[in-house]
Protein backbone atom coordinates (compact mmCIF):
# COMPACT_ATOMS: atom_id res chain seq x y z
CA UNK A 1 59.04 83.60 79.37
CA UNK A 2 61.79 85.54 77.64
CA UNK A 3 61.08 89.08 76.65
CA UNK A 4 60.99 89.82 72.95
CA UNK A 5 63.01 92.64 71.48
CA UNK A 6 60.86 95.74 71.07
CA UNK A 7 62.61 97.69 68.31
CA UNK A 8 60.63 100.88 68.95
CA UNK A 9 61.52 100.80 72.63
CA UNK A 10 65.17 100.09 71.78
CA UNK A 11 65.32 103.04 69.36
CA UNK A 12 63.66 105.32 71.91
CA UNK A 13 66.13 104.16 74.59
CA UNK A 14 69.11 104.92 72.34
CA UNK A 15 67.63 108.24 71.16
CA UNK A 16 67.11 109.36 74.75
CA UNK A 17 70.85 108.93 75.41
CA UNK A 18 72.23 110.39 72.14
CA UNK A 19 71.65 113.19 69.68
CA UNK A 20 71.01 110.65 66.91
CA UNK A 21 67.65 110.67 65.18
CA UNK A 22 65.50 107.50 65.23
CA UNK A 23 66.02 106.95 61.47
CA UNK A 24 69.81 107.18 61.93
CA UNK A 25 69.65 104.69 64.80
CA UNK A 26 67.56 102.24 62.76
CA UNK A 27 70.04 102.56 59.88
CA UNK A 28 72.99 101.72 62.15
CA UNK A 29 71.10 98.75 63.60
CA UNK A 30 70.17 97.54 60.10
CA UNK A 31 73.80 97.60 58.97
CA UNK A 32 74.86 95.93 62.21
CA UNK A 33 72.38 93.11 61.57
CA UNK A 34 73.72 92.65 58.03
CA UNK A 35 77.32 92.53 59.32
CA UNK A 36 76.45 89.92 61.95
CA UNK A 37 74.42 87.88 59.46
CA UNK A 38 77.34 87.83 57.01
CA UNK A 39 79.73 86.85 59.81
CA UNK A 40 77.56 83.84 60.63
CA UNK A 41 77.32 82.59 57.02
CA UNK A 42 79.27 79.39 56.70
CA UNK A 43 80.22 79.34 60.38
CA UNK A 44 79.40 76.20 62.32
CA UNK A 45 80.16 77.60 65.77
CA UNK A 46 79.64 80.91 67.53
CA UNK A 47 81.23 83.84 65.76
CA UNK A 48 83.26 86.50 67.53
CA UNK A 49 82.22 89.96 66.40
CA UNK A 50 85.01 92.51 66.61
CA UNK A 51 83.40 95.79 67.63
CA UNK A 52 86.02 97.86 65.76
CA UNK A 53 85.36 95.93 62.56
CA UNK A 54 81.63 96.36 63.07
CA UNK A 55 81.97 100.14 63.54
CA UNK A 56 84.23 100.37 60.48
CA UNK A 57 81.69 98.39 58.45
CA UNK A 58 78.80 100.64 59.51
CA UNK A 59 80.82 103.79 58.80
CA UNK A 60 81.75 102.45 55.34
CA UNK A 61 78.09 102.32 54.26
CA UNK A 62 77.35 105.23 51.93
CA UNK A 63 74.01 106.02 53.59
CA UNK A 64 75.52 106.44 57.08
CA UNK A 65 76.36 110.08 57.76
CA UNK A 66 77.24 109.75 61.45
CA UNK A 67 80.65 110.09 63.06
CA UNK A 68 82.53 107.17 64.61
CA UNK A 69 81.77 108.14 68.21
CA UNK A 70 78.03 108.32 67.53
CA UNK A 71 78.01 104.89 65.85
CA UNK A 72 79.99 103.40 68.76
CA UNK A 73 77.62 105.00 71.26
CA UNK A 74 74.54 103.64 69.45
CA UNK A 75 76.00 100.12 69.44
CA UNK A 76 77.07 100.37 73.10
CA UNK A 77 73.63 101.59 74.13
CA UNK A 78 72.01 98.77 72.17
CA UNK A 79 74.09 96.27 74.16
CA UNK A 80 73.22 98.03 77.43
CA UNK A 81 69.52 97.80 76.54
CA UNK A 82 69.77 94.12 75.57
CA UNK A 83 71.61 93.30 78.79
CA UNK A 84 69.05 95.18 80.90
CA UNK A 85 66.30 93.15 79.22
CA UNK A 86 68.21 89.91 79.70
CA UNK A 87 68.44 89.34 75.95
CA UNK A 88 72.25 89.47 75.68
CA UNK A 89 75.45 89.26 77.63
CA UNK A 90 79.18 89.28 77.18
CA UNK A 91 81.16 86.07 76.77
CA UNK A 92 84.44 85.88 78.68
């Protein structure tokens, strides 16, 4: 049985490793989800997500007041969490 993503646990995991507040983390994750959703629109195969483009997209949102390093750290920690839970991995 695969483990389901627990958003609260994910946010707490990220918050414990950064100075970002839970609301800021949720905002970054929300914009990340929108970016990925838009990237998949019209695509028939897997879509490569460029992490630099993703960070730039999140930083371009008017409601995001975090610096680039914090956004990158949040996204990296999200991936670490997902990999620990067996919910994601990197494709070579």
